[in-house]
Amino acid sequence: MSLAMEQIVDVYVRLKDRYALEKLRTHREKLIANLNGLRSDFNFDSSLSLRSMAEDLAAIDAGFEQLDALARAQTGER
């Protein structure tokens, strides 16, 4: 996954900005849908881009996990 995406997610986690992470995830999902459309409509090889987007989604999901862990720690849950 890209260092840039990791850093963006890290900032959103430090700011506890779940909404920004949700917007980022939605944007990546739309990009994936658009790339899949290009692939089927124009015989376009989008495999590298799709792999990159999947890695971005993994980083974003890790950010959600970190936010959830922070929330549990604040409430004393395990």
PDB file of N, CA and C in Angstrom:
ATOM      1  N   MET A   1       0.842  -1.177   0.000  1.00  0.00           N
ATOM      2  CA  MET A   1       0.000   0.000   0.000  1.00  0.00           C
ATOM      3  C   MET A   1       0.880   1.230   0.000  1.00  0.00           C
ATOM      4  N   SER A   2       0.333   2.311  -0.442  1.00  0.00           N
ATOM      5  CA  SER A   2       1.158   3.497  -0.602  1.00  0.00           C
ATOM      6  C   SER A   2       1.421   4.180   0.740  1.00  0.00           C
ATOM      7  N   LEU A   3       2.589   4.722   0.844  1.00  0.00           N
ATOM      8  CA  LEU A   3       2.961   5.462   2.042  1.00  0.00           C
ATOM      9  C   LEU A   3       2.035   6.666   2.235  1.00  0.00           C
ATOM     10  N   ALA A   4       1.664   7.292   1.128  1.00  0.00           N
ATOM     11  CA  ALA A   4       0.779   8.457   1.205  1.00  0.00           C
ATOM     12  C   ALA A   4      -0.555   8.090   1.851  1.00  0.00           C
ATOM     13  N   MET A   5      -1.138   6.970   1.431  1.00  0.00           N
ATOM     14  CA  MET A   5      -2.427   6.562   2.005  1.00  0.00           C
ATOM     15  C   MET A   5      -2.273   6.225   3.475  1.00  0.00           C
ATOM     16  N   GLU A   6      -1.198   5.547   3.832  1.00  0.00           N
ATOM     17  CA  GLU A   6      -0.952   5.235   5.235  1.00  0.00           C
ATOM     18  C   GLU A   6      -0.871   6.512   6.069  1.00  0.00           C
ATOM     19  N   GLN A   7      -0.199   7.527   5.536  1.00  0.00           N
ATOM     20  CA  GLN A   7      -0.057   8.778   6.266  1.00  0.00           C
ATOM     21  C   GLN A   7      -1.386   9.517   6.379  1.00  0.00           C
ATOM     22  N   ILE A   8      -2.170   9.489   5.323  1.00  0.00           N
ATOM     23  CA  ILE A   8      -3.490  10.139   5.359  1.00  0.00           C
ATOM     24  C   ILE A   8      -4.365   9.467   6.412  1.00  0.00           C
ATOM     25  N   VAL A   9      -4.395   8.140   6.389  1.00  0.00           N
ATOM     26  CA  VAL A   9      -5.199   7.402   7.363  1.00  0.00           C
ATOM     27  C   VAL A   9      -4.697   7.678   8.774  1.00  0.00           C
ATOM     28  N   ASP A  10      -3.388   7.714   8.961  1.00  0.00           N
ATOM     29  CA  ASP A  10      -2.813   7.985  10.274  1.00  0.00           C
ATOM     30  C   ASP A  10      -3.262   9.344  10.812  1.00  0.00           C
ATOM     31  N   VAL A  11      -3.279  10.339   9.954  1.00  0.00           N
ATOM     32  CA  VAL A  11      -3.723  11.675  10.381  1.00  0.00           C
ATOM     33  C   VAL A  11      -5.188  11.638  10.788  1.00  0.00           C
ATOM     34  N   TYR A  12      -6.025  10.989   9.989  1.00  0.00           N
ATOM     35  CA  TYR A  12      -7.453  10.908  10.328  1.00  0.00           C
ATOM     36  C   TYR A  12      -7.668  10.165  11.636  1.00  0.00           C
ATOM     37  N   VAL A  13      -6.868   9.140  11.884  1.00  0.00           N
ATOM     38  CA  VAL A  13      -6.988   8.398  13.145  1.00  0.00           C
ATOM     39  C   VAL A  13      -6.570   9.293  14.306  1.00  0.00           C
ATOM     40  N   ARG A  14      -5.445   9.996  14.159  1.00  0.00           N
ATOM     41  CA  ARG A  14      -4.996  10.890  15.245  1.00  0.00           C
ATOM     42  C   ARG A  14      -6.015  11.978  15.530  1.00  0.00           C
ATOM     43  N   LEU A  15      -6.706  12.426  14.478  1.00  0.00           N
ATOM     44  CA  LEU A  15      -7.749  13.444  14.652  1.00  0.00           C
ATOM     45  C   LEU A  15      -9.087  12.840  15.085  1.00  0.00           C
ATOM     46  N   LYS A  16      -9.137  11.507  15.101  1.00  0.00           N
ATOM     47  CA  LYS A  16     -10.367  10.770  15.420  1.00  0.00           C
ATOM     48  C   LYS A  16     -11.501  11.179  14.487  1.00  0.00           C
ATOM     49  N   ASP A  17     -11.162  11.298  13.217  1.00  0.00           N
ATOM     50  CA  ASP A  17     -12.108  11.768  12.199  1.00  0.00           C
ATOM     51  C   ASP A  17     -12.672  10.586  11.396  1.00  0.00           C
ATOM     52  N   ARG A  18     -13.633   9.912  11.976  1.00  0.00           N
ATOM     53  CA  ARG A  18     -14.262   8.757  11.340  1.00  0.00           C
ATOM     54  C   ARG A  18     -14.967   9.163  10.048  1.00  0.00           C
ATOM     55  N   TYR A  19     -15.586  10.330  10.055  1.00  0.00           N
ATOM     56  CA  TYR A  19     -16.305  10.802   8.864  1.00  0.00           C
ATOM     57  C   TYR A  19     -15.355  10.937   7.667  1.00  0.00           C
ATOM     58  N   ALA A  20     -14.168  11.479   7.893  1.00  0.00           N
ATOM     59  CA  ALA A  20     -13.200  11.628   6.798  1.00  0.00           C
ATOM     60  C   ALA A  20     -12.774  10.260   6.268  1.00  0.00           C
ATOM     61  N   LEU A  21     -12.596   9.293   7.166  1.00  0.00           N
ATOM     62  CA  LEU A  21     -12.250   7.935   6.730  1.00  0.00           C
ATOM     63  C   LEU A  21     -13.388   7.322   5.916  1.00  0.00           C
ATOM     64  N   GLU A  22     -14.630   7.579   6.339  1.00  0.00           N
ATOM     65  CA  GLU A  22     -15.777   7.054   5.599  1.00  0.00           C
ATOM     66  C   GLU A  22     -15.838   7.661   4.198  1.00  0.00           C
ATOM     67  N   LYS A  23     -15.581   8.967   4.103  1.00  0.00           N
ATOM     68  CA  LYS A  23     -15.580   9.617   2.791  1.00  0.00           C
ATOM     69  C   LYS A  23     -14.469   9.063   1.911  1.00  0.00           C
ATOM     70  N   LEU A  24     -13.306   8.837   2.498  1.00  0.00           N
ATOM     71  CA  LEU A  24     -12.179   8.285   1.752  1.00  0.00           C
ATOM     72  C   LEU A  24     -12.510   6.883   1.247  1.00  0.00           C
ATOM     73  N   ARG A  25     -13.132   6.101   2.097  1.00  0.00           N
ATOM     74  CA  ARG A  25     -13.521   4.735   1.700  1.00  0.00           C
ATOM     75  C   ARG A  25     -14.549   4.772   0.575  1.00  0.00           C
ATOM     76  N   THR A  26     -15.549   5.626   0.704  1.00  0.00           N
ATOM     77  CA  THR A  26     -16.576   5.754  -0.335  1.00  0.00           C
ATOM     78  C   THR A  26     -15.955   6.171  -1.660  1.00  0.00           C
ATOM     79  N   HIS A  27     -15.013   7.098  -1.610  1.00  0.00           N
ATOM     80  CA  HIS A  27     -14.351   7.558  -2.826  1.00  0.00           C
ATOM     81  C   HIS A  27     -13.596   6.418  -3.497  1.00  0.00           C
ATOM     82  N   ARG A  28     -12.860   5.628  -2.711  1.00  0.00           N
ATOM     83  CA  ARG A  28     -12.116   4.500  -3.278  1.00  0.00           C
ATOM     84  C   ARG A  28     -13.076   3.470  -3.876  1.00  0.00           C
ATOM     85  N   GLU A  29     -14.202   3.232  -3.207  1.00  0.00           N
ATOM     86  CA  GLU A  29     -15.179   2.274  -3.727  1.00  0.00           C
ATOM     87  C   GLU A  29     -15.749   2.749  -5.066  1.00  0.00           C
ATOM     88  N   LYS A  30     -15.986   4.048  -5.196  1.00  0.00           N
ATOM     89  CA  LYS A  30     -16.470   4.599  -6.465  1.00  0.00           C
ATOM     90  C   LYS A  30     -15.411   4.463  -7.559  1.00  0.00           C
ATOM     91  N   LEU A  31     -14.162   4.704  -7.204  1.00  0.00           N
ATOM     92  CA  LEU A  31     -13.087   4.529  -8.178  1.00  0.00           C
ATOM     93  C   LEU A  31     -13.011   3.086  -8.662  1.00  0.00           C
ATOM     94  N   ILE A  32     -13.169   2.152  -7.737  1.00  0.00           N
ATOM     95  CA  ILE A  32     -13.144   0.734  -8.109  1.00  0.00           C
ATOM     96  C   ILE A  32     -14.288   0.419  -9.067  1.00  0.00           C
ATOM     97  N   ALA A  33     -15.465   0.926  -8.766  1.00  0.00           N
ATOM     98  CA  ALA A  33     -16.616   0.694  -9.645  1.00  0.00           C
ATOM     99  C   ALA A  33     -16.364   1.287 -11.031  1.00  0.00           C
ATOM    100  N   ASN A  34     -15.803   2.480 -11.078  1.00  0.00           N
ATOM    101  CA  ASN A  34     -15.503   3.118 -12.370  1.00  0.00           C
ATOM    102  C   ASN A  34     -14.452   2.338 -13.143  1.00  0.00           C
ATOM    103  N   LEU A  35     -13.418   1.879 -12.449  1.00  0.00           N
ATOM    104  CA  LEU A  35     -12.381   1.091 -13.117  1.00  0.00           C
ATOM    105  C   LEU A  35     -12.931  -0.227 -13.642  1.00  0.00           C
ATOM    106  N   ASN A  36     -13.806  -0.847 -12.882  1.00  0.00           N
ATOM    107  CA  ASN A  36     -14.423  -2.086 -13.355  1.00  0.00           C
ATOM    108  C   ASN A  36     -15.269  -1.830 -14.595  1.00  0.00           C
ATOM    109  N   GLY A  37     -15.931  -0.684 -14.638  1.00  0.00           N
ATOM    110  CA  GLY A  37     -16.713  -0.319 -15.816  1.00  0.00           C
ATOM    111  C   GLY A  37     -15.832  -0.107 -17.031  1.00  0.00           C
ATOM    112  N   LEU A  38     -14.702   0.544 -16.847  1.00  0.00           N
ATOM    113  CA  LEU A  38     -13.773   0.745 -17.952  1.00  0.00           C
ATOM    114  C   LEU A  38     -13.244  -0.581 -18.477  1.00  0.00           C
ATOM    115  N   ARG A  39     -12.949  -1.455 -17.540  1.00  0.00           N
ATOM    116  CA  ARG A  39     -12.388  -2.751 -17.919  1.00  0.00           C
ATOM    117  C   ARG A  39     -13.371  -3.530 -18.788  1.00  0.00           C
ATOM    118  N   SER A  40     -14.644  -3.493 -18.419  1.00  0.00           N
ATOM    119  CA  SER A  40     -15.613  -4.275 -19.179  1.00  0.00           C
ATOM    120  C   SER A  40     -16.043  -3.560 -20.460  1.00  0.00           C
ATOM    121  N   ASP A  41     -16.065  -2.237 -20.457  1.00  0.00           N
ATOM    122  CA  ASP A  41     -16.526  -1.492 -21.631  1.00  0.00           C
ATOM    123  C   ASP A  41     -15.457  -1.351 -22.709  1.00  0.00           C
ATOM    124  N   PHE A  42     -14.212  -1.222 -22.314  1.00  0.00           N
ATOM    125  CA  PHE A  42     -13.160  -0.889 -23.280  1.00  0.00           C
ATOM    126  C   PHE A  42     -11.997  -1.874 -23.289  1.00  0.00           C
ATOM    127  N   ASN A  43     -12.174  -3.029 -22.648  1.00  0.00           N
ATOM    128  CA  ASN A  43     -11.097  -4.005 -22.578  1.00  0.00           C
ATOM    129  C   ASN A  43      -9.819  -3.362 -22.027  1.00  0.00           C
ATOM    130  N   PHE A  44      -9.994  -2.576 -20.991  1.00  0.00           N
ATOM    131  CA  PHE A  44      -8.929  -1.823 -20.347  1.00  0.00           C
ATOM    132  C   PHE A  44      -8.355  -2.654 -19.197  1.00  0.00           C
ATOM    133  N   ASP A  45      -7.039  -2.788 -19.138  1.00  0.00           N
ATOM    134  CA  ASP A  45      -6.402  -3.535 -18.053  1.00  0.00           C
ATOM    135  C   ASP A  45      -6.221  -2.621 -16.848  1.00  0.00           C
ATOM    136  N   SER A  46      -7.094  -2.781 -15.897  1.00  0.00           N
ATOM    137  CA  SER A  46      -7.046  -1.940 -14.706  1.00  0.00           C
ATOM    138  C   SER A  46      -6.568  -2.721 -13.488  1.00  0.00           C
ATOM    139  N   SER A  47      -5.947  -3.856 -13.709  1.00  0.00           N
ATOM    140  CA  SER A  47      -5.578  -4.724 -12.590  1.00  0.00           C
ATOM    141  C   SER A  47      -4.616  -4.053 -11.604  1.00  0.00           C
ATOM    142  N   LEU A  48      -3.651  -3.318 -12.100  1.00  0.00           N
ATOM    143  CA  LEU A  48      -2.714  -2.643 -11.203  1.00  0.00           C
ATOM    144  C   LEU A  48      -3.418  -1.584 -10.368  1.00  0.00           C
ATOM    145  N   SER A  49      -4.277  -0.809 -11.013  1.00  0.00           N
ATOM    146  CA  SER A  49      -5.032   0.221 -10.292  1.00  0.00           C
ATOM    147  C   SER A  49      -5.975  -0.401  -9.278  1.00  0.00           C
ATOM    148  N   LEU A  50      -6.644  -1.472  -9.670  1.00  0.00           N
ATOM    149  CA  LEU A  50      -7.564  -2.141  -8.750  1.00  0.00           C
ATOM    150  C   LEU A  50      -6.826  -2.716  -7.548  1.00  0.00           C
ATOM    151  N   ARG A  51      -5.651  -3.263  -7.776  1.00  0.00           N
ATOM    152  CA  ARG A  51      -4.845  -3.798  -6.679  1.00  0.00           C
ATOM    153  C   ARG A  51      -4.445  -2.665  -5.726  1.00  0.00           C
ATOM    154  N   SER A  52      -4.084  -1.532  -6.288  1.00  0.00           N
ATOM    155  CA  SER A  52      -3.722  -0.378  -5.475  1.00  0.00           C
ATOM    156  C   SER A  52      -4.911   0.113  -4.642  1.00  0.00           C
ATOM    157  N   MET A  53      -6.092   0.144  -5.268  1.00  0.00           N
ATOM    158  CA  MET A  53      -7.296   0.568  -4.540  1.00  0.00           C
ATOM    159  C   MET A  53      -7.636  -0.417  -3.422  1.00  0.00           C
ATOM    160  N   ALA A  54      -7.438  -1.709  -3.683  1.00  0.00           N
ATOM    161  CA  ALA A  54      -7.696  -2.716  -2.650  1.00  0.00           C
ATOM    162  C   ALA A  54      -6.747  -2.516  -1.470  1.00  0.00           C
ATOM    163  N   GLU A  55      -5.503  -2.186  -1.755  1.00  0.00           N
ATOM    164  CA  GLU A  55      -4.536  -1.903  -0.683  1.00  0.00           C
ATOM    165  C   GLU A  55      -4.928  -0.653   0.087  1.00  0.00           C
ATOM    166  N   ASP A  56      -5.426   0.354  -0.630  1.00  0.00           N
ATOM    167  CA  ASP A  56      -5.903   1.574   0.040  1.00  0.00           C
ATOM    168  C   ASP A  56      -7.062   1.246   0.974  1.00  0.00           C
ATOM    169  N   LEU A  57      -7.996   0.409   0.493  1.00  0.00           N
ATOM    170  CA  LEU A  57      -9.130   0.029   1.336  1.00  0.00           C
ATOM    171  C   LEU A  57      -8.664  -0.725   2.574  1.00  0.00           C
ATOM    172  N   ALA A  58      -7.640  -1.547   2.435  1.00  0.00           N
ATOM    173  CA  ALA A  58      -7.101  -2.266   3.594  1.00  0.00           C
ATOM    174  C   ALA A  58      -6.530  -1.277   4.617  1.00  0.00           C
ATOM    175  N   ALA A  59      -5.845  -0.249   4.140  1.00  0.00           N
ATOM    176  CA  ALA A  59      -5.295   0.768   5.040  1.00  0.00           C
ATOM    177  C   ALA A  59      -6.416   1.533   5.735  1.00  0.00           C
ATOM    178  N   ILE A  60      -7.454   1.844   4.989  1.00  0.00           N
ATOM    179  CA  ILE A  60      -8.595   2.565   5.561  1.00  0.00           C
ATOM    180  C   ILE A  60      -9.291   1.699   6.606  1.00  0.00           C
ATOM    181  N   ASP A  61      -9.486   0.420   6.295  1.00  0.00           N
ATOM    182  CA  ASP A  61     -10.103  -0.489   7.262  1.00  0.00           C
ATOM    183  C   ASP A  61      -9.256  -0.607   8.531  1.00  0.00           C
ATOM    184  N   ALA A  62      -7.947  -0.615   8.372  1.00  0.00           N
ATOM    185  CA  ALA A  62      -7.061  -0.644   9.545  1.00  0.00           C
ATOM    186  C   ALA A  62      -7.254   0.622  10.379  1.00  0.00           C
ATOM    187  N   GLY A  63      -7.482   1.737   9.704  1.00  0.00           N
ATOM    188  CA  GLY A  63      -7.761   2.989  10.415  1.00  0.00           C
ATOM    189  C   GLY A  63      -9.043   2.904  11.225  1.00  0.00           C
ATOM    190  N   PHE A  64     -10.092   2.292  10.635  1.00  0.00           N
ATOM    191  CA  PHE A  64     -11.338   2.101  11.383  1.00  0.00           C
ATOM    192  C   PHE A  64     -11.109   1.218  12.606  1.00  0.00           C
ATOM    193  N   GLU A  65     -10.300   0.182  12.444  1.00  0.00           N
ATOM    194  CA  GLU A  65      -9.998  -0.701  13.578  1.00  0.00           C
ATOM    195  C   GLU A  65      -9.282   0.063  14.682  1.00  0.00           C
ATOM    196  N   GLN A  66      -8.361   0.936  14.296  1.00  0.00           N
ATOM    197  CA  GLN A  66      -7.647   1.737  15.294  1.00  0.00           C
ATOM    198  C   GLN A  66      -8.607   2.682  16.015  1.00  0.00           C
ATOM    199  N   LEU A  67      -9.520   3.302  15.263  1.00  0.00           N
ATOM    200  CA  LEU A  67     -10.505   4.194  15.893  1.00  0.00           C
ATOM    201  C   LEU A  67     -11.404   3.424  16.852  1.00  0.00           C
ATOM    202  N   ASP A  68     -11.821   2.228  16.443  1.00  0.00           N
ATOM    203  CA  ASP A  68     -12.655   1.403  17.321  1.00  0.00           C
ATOM    204  C   ASP A  68     -11.904   1.032  18.595  1.00  0.00           C
ATOM    205  N   ALA A  69     -10.623   0.697  18.463  1.00  0.00           N
ATOM    206  CA  ALA A  69      -9.808   0.344  19.630  1.00  0.00           C
ATOM    207  C   ALA A  69      -9.659   1.550  20.561  1.00  0.00           C
ATOM    208  N   LEU A  70      -9.467   2.723  19.979  1.00  0.00           N
ATOM    209  CA  LEU A  70      -9.378   3.935  20.804  1.00  0.00           C
ATOM    210  C   LEU A  70     -10.676   4.191  21.547  1.00  0.00           C
ATOM    211  N   ALA A  71     -11.792   3.998  20.871  1.00  0.00           N
ATOM    212  CA  ALA A  71     -13.099   4.226  21.502  1.00  0.00           C
ATOM    213  C   ALA A  71     -13.317   3.232  22.630  1.00  0.00           C
ATOM    214  N   ARG A  72     -12.946   1.962  22.408  1.00  0.00           N
ATOM    215  CA  ARG A  72     -13.087   0.963  23.468  1.00  0.00           C
ATOM    216  C   ARG A  72     -12.185   1.292  24.656  1.00  0.00           C
ATOM    217  N   ALA A  73     -10.990   1.762  24.388  1.00  0.00           N
ATOM    218  CA  ALA A  73     -10.054   2.110  25.471  1.00  0.00           C
ATOM    219  C   ALA A  73     -10.594   3.264  26.296  1.00  0.00           C
ATOM    220  N   GLN A  74     -11.243   4.207  25.647  1.00  0.00           N
ATOM    221  CA  GLN A  74     -11.794   5.353  26.372  1.00  0.00           C
ATOM    222  C   GLN A  74     -12.976   4.969  27.233  1.00  0.00           C
ATOM    223  N   THR A  75     -13.726   3.980  26.789  1.00  0.00           N
ATOM    224  CA  THR A  75     -14.898   3.568  27.576  1.00  0.00           C
ATOM    225  C   THR A  75     -14.575   2.434  28.526  1.00  0.00           C
ATOM    226  N   GLY A  76     -13.348   1.921  28.457  1.00  0.00           N
ATOM    227  CA  GLY A  76     -12.930   0.861  29.347  1.00  0.00           C
ATOM    228  C   GLY A  76     -13.373  -0.525  28.899  1.00  0.00           C
ATOM    229  N   GLU A  77     -13.864  -0.640  27.674  1.00  0.00           N
ATOM    230  CA  GLU A  77     -14.280  -1.946  27.144  1.00  0.00           C
ATOM    231  C   GLU A  77     -13.057  -2.683  26.628  1.00  0.00           C
ATOM    232  N   ARG A  78     -13.228  -3.986  26.428  1.00  0.00           N
ATOM    233  CA  ARG A  78     -12.154  -4.805  25.858  1.00  0.00           C
ATOM    234  C   ARG A  78     -12.483  -5.231  24.481  1.00  0.00           C
TER     235      ARG A  78
END
